[in-house]
Amino acid sequence: MLDLKEIKLKVEQEQYYCSKHGDQERQNDNLTILEVEEAIVNGRILEEYPDTGRGESCLLVGFTEKGKPVHVVCGVKGEILVIITIYIPTPPKFINPYERG
């Protein structure tokens, strides 16, 4: 299981990278890197995925300083946090930032 404290620490220490897919999704939702970092650092784990074929990952939900909800799917590769995808949760997939539709 991924440790939330460790995830936050890796972001604070800039020990992470964003996949091409994640960066594209971030840009599609007009999110800045700083907003993604804010959401992770003040977020919580919403779902855990033991093994999706590429190893363990989790879905984090957090909010930017301006209150914008952000979902981040991340995993770990070696000592580095990998941000797999980033998006703003919206209907119909999500009723609210915490519940699937």
C-alpha atoms as a PDB file:
ATOM      1  CA  MET A   1       0.000   0.000   0.000  1.00  0.00           C
ATOM      2  CA  LEU A   2       1.285   3.457  -0.892  1.00  0.00           C
ATOM      3  CA  ASP A   3       1.909   5.713   2.077  1.00  0.00           C
ATOM      4  CA  LEU A   4       0.244   9.144   1.932  1.00  0.00           C
ATOM      5  CA  LYS A   5       2.951  10.794   4.032  1.00  0.00           C
ATOM      6  CA  GLU A   6       5.623   9.442   1.682  1.00  0.00           C
ATOM      7  CA  ILE A   7       3.713  10.660  -1.391  1.00  0.00           C
ATOM      8  CA  LYS A   8       3.410  14.159   0.067  1.00  0.00           C
ATOM      9  CA  LEU A   9       7.086  14.188   1.071  1.00  0.00           C
ATOM     10  CA  LYS A  10       8.178  13.192  -2.449  1.00  0.00           C
ATOM     11  CA  VAL A  11       6.154  16.080  -3.893  1.00  0.00           C
ATOM     12  CA  GLU A  12       7.553  18.551  -1.343  1.00  0.00           C
ATOM     13  CA  GLN A  13      11.090  17.363  -2.144  1.00  0.00           C
ATOM     14  CA  GLU A  14      10.387  17.372  -5.915  1.00  0.00           C
ATOM     15  CA  GLN A  15      11.116  13.638  -6.171  1.00  0.00           C
ATOM     16  CA  TYR A  16       8.437  12.982  -8.768  1.00  0.00           C
ATOM     17  CA  TYR A  17       7.733  13.169 -12.452  1.00  0.00           C
ATOM     18  CA  CYS A  18       4.594  13.419 -14.495  1.00  0.00           C
ATOM     19  CA  SER A  19       3.922  10.981 -17.334  1.00  0.00           C
ATOM     20  CA  LYS A  20       3.234  12.380 -20.818  1.00  0.00           C
ATOM     21  CA  HIS A  21      -0.390  11.299 -20.453  1.00  0.00           C
ATOM     22  CA  GLY A  22      -0.687  12.944 -17.045  1.00  0.00           C
ATOM     23  CA  ASP A  23       0.837  16.170 -18.290  1.00  0.00           C
ATOM     24  CA  GLN A  24      -1.520  16.243 -21.279  1.00  0.00           C
ATOM     25  CA  GLU A  25      -4.547  15.660 -19.039  1.00  0.00           C
ATOM     26  CA  ARG A  26      -3.299  18.398 -16.683  1.00  0.00           C
ATOM     27  CA  GLN A  27      -3.087  20.828 -19.569  1.00  0.00           C
ATOM     28  CA  ASN A  28      -6.516  19.765 -20.882  1.00  0.00           C
ATOM     29  CA  ASP A  29      -8.030  20.803 -17.534  1.00  0.00           C
ATOM     30  CA  ASN A  30      -5.966  24.016 -17.397  1.00  0.00           C
ATOM     31  CA  LEU A  31      -4.189  22.971 -14.203  1.00  0.00           C
ATOM     32  CA  THR A  32      -0.751  24.273 -13.322  1.00  0.00           C
ATOM     33  CA  ILE A  33       1.993  22.150 -11.807  1.00  0.00           C
ATOM     34  CA  LEU A  34       1.662  24.242  -8.632  1.00  0.00           C
ATOM     35  CA  GLU A  35      -2.067  23.443  -8.419  1.00  0.00           C
ATOM     36  CA  VAL A  36      -1.327  19.729  -8.776  1.00  0.00           C
ATOM     37  CA  GLU A  37       1.307  19.931  -6.041  1.00  0.00           C
ATOM     38  CA  GLU A  38      -1.136  21.832  -3.781  1.00  0.00           C
ATOM     39  CA  ALA A  39      -3.813  19.184  -4.318  1.00  0.00           C
ATOM     40  CA  ILE A  40      -1.426  16.335  -3.499  1.00  0.00           C
ATOM     41  CA  VAL A  41       0.087  17.971  -0.430  1.00  0.00           C
ATOM     42  CA  ASN A  42      -3.324  18.687   1.127  1.00  0.00           C
ATOM     43  CA  GLY A  43      -5.058  15.616  -0.312  1.00  0.00           C
ATOM     44  CA  ARG A  44      -6.016  12.145   0.778  1.00  0.00           C
ATOM     45  CA  ILE A  45      -6.124   8.699  -0.803  1.00  0.00           C
ATOM     46  CA  LEU A  46      -9.562   7.995  -2.249  1.00  0.00           C
ATOM     47  CA  GLU A  47      -8.926   4.602  -3.897  1.00  0.00           C
ATOM     48  CA  GLU A  48      -6.063   2.106  -3.872  1.00  0.00           C
ATOM     49  CA  TYR A  49      -5.159  -0.145  -6.784  1.00  0.00           C
ATOM     50  CA  PRO A  50      -2.970  -3.087  -5.680  1.00  0.00           C
ATOM     51  CA  ASP A  51      -1.710  -3.878  -9.192  1.00  0.00           C
ATOM     52  CA  THR A  52      -2.891  -2.428 -12.461  1.00  0.00           C
ATOM     53  CA  GLY A  53      -0.312  -4.303 -14.527  1.00  0.00           C
ATOM     54  CA  ARG A  54       2.353  -1.666 -13.890  1.00  0.00           C
ATOM     55  CA  GLY A  55       2.466  -1.986 -10.141  1.00  0.00           C
ATOM     56  CA  GLU A  56       0.631  -0.478  -7.235  1.00  0.00           C
ATOM     57  CA  SER A  57      -1.061   2.911  -7.603  1.00  0.00           C
ATOM     58  CA  CYS A  58      -3.684   5.073  -5.925  1.00  0.00           C
ATOM     59  CA  LEU A  59      -6.170   7.829  -6.631  1.00  0.00           C
ATOM     60  CA  LEU A  60      -5.680  10.963  -4.555  1.00  0.00           C
ATOM     61  CA  VAL A  61      -8.238  13.711  -4.134  1.00  0.00           C
ATOM     62  CA  GLY A  62      -7.176  17.161  -3.061  1.00  0.00           C
ATOM     63  CA  PHE A  63      -7.942  20.809  -3.560  1.00  0.00           C
ATOM     64  CA  THR A  64      -5.946  23.733  -4.834  1.00  0.00           C
ATOM     65  CA  GLU A  65      -5.567  26.797  -2.613  1.00  0.00           C
ATOM     66  CA  LYS A  66      -8.477  28.316  -4.590  1.00  0.00           C
ATOM     67  CA  GLY A  67     -10.664  25.290  -3.790  1.00  0.00           C
ATOM     68  CA  LYS A  68     -10.530  23.565  -7.183  1.00  0.00           C
ATOM     69  CA  PRO A  69     -10.914  19.756  -6.796  1.00  0.00           C
ATOM     70  CA  VAL A  70      -8.184  17.655  -8.402  1.00  0.00           C
ATOM     71  CA  HIS A  71      -7.761  13.901  -8.815  1.00  0.00           C
ATOM     72  CA  VAL A  72      -4.249  12.490  -9.206  1.00  0.00           C
ATOM     73  CA  VAL A  73      -3.439   8.859  -9.950  1.00  0.00           C
ATOM     74  CA  CYS A  74       0.103   8.034  -8.895  1.00  0.00           C
ATOM     75  CA  GLY A  75       2.455   5.170  -8.231  1.00  0.00           C
ATOM     76  CA  VAL A  76       6.101   4.693  -7.352  1.00  0.00           C
ATOM     77  CA  LYS A  77       8.944   3.638  -9.607  1.00  0.00           C
ATOM     78  CA  GLY A  78      12.024   2.972  -7.524  1.00  0.00           C
ATOM     79  CA  GLU A  79      12.348   5.975  -5.229  1.00  0.00           C
ATOM     80  CA  ILE A  80      10.442   8.339  -7.524  1.00  0.00           C
ATOM     81  CA  LEU A  81       6.738   9.181  -7.402  1.00  0.00           C
ATOM     82  CA  VAL A  82       5.115   8.849 -10.810  1.00  0.00           C
ATOM     83  CA  ILE A  83       2.036  10.911 -11.596  1.00  0.00           C
ATOM     84  CA  ILE A  84       0.096   8.767 -14.050  1.00  0.00           C
ATOM     85  CA  THR A  85      -2.865  11.041 -14.700  1.00  0.00           C
ATOM     86  CA  ILE A  86      -4.455  14.235 -13.428  1.00  0.00           C
ATOM     87  CA  TYR A  87      -7.975  15.523 -13.901  1.00  0.00           C
ATOM     88  CA  ILE A  88     -10.791  17.551 -12.409  1.00  0.00           C
ATOM     89  CA  PRO A  89     -13.551  15.142 -11.298  1.00  0.00           C
ATOM     90  CA  THR A  90     -16.813  15.964 -13.079  1.00  0.00           C
ATOM     91  CA  PRO A  91     -20.188  14.323 -13.766  1.00  0.00           C
ATOM     92  CA  PRO A  92     -21.155  11.827 -14.976  1.00  0.00           C
ATOM     93  CA  LYS A  93     -18.079   9.920 -13.759  1.00  0.00           C
ATOM     94  CA  PHE A  94     -18.137  11.660 -10.378  1.00  0.00           C
ATOM     95  CA  ILE A  95     -21.086  12.992  -8.386  1.00  0.00           C
ATOM     96  CA  ASN A  96     -18.647  15.048  -6.312  1.00  0.00           C
ATOM     97  CA  PRO A  97     -14.874  14.873  -5.720  1.00  0.00           C
ATOM     98  CA  TYR A  98     -15.322  11.867  -3.406  1.00  0.00           C
ATOM     99  CA  GLU A  99     -18.031   9.741  -5.063  1.00  0.00           C
ATOM    100  CA  ARG A 100     -18.240   7.999  -8.420  1.00  0.00           C
ATOM    101  CA  GLY A 101     -21.411   8.535 -10.467  1.00  0.00           C
END
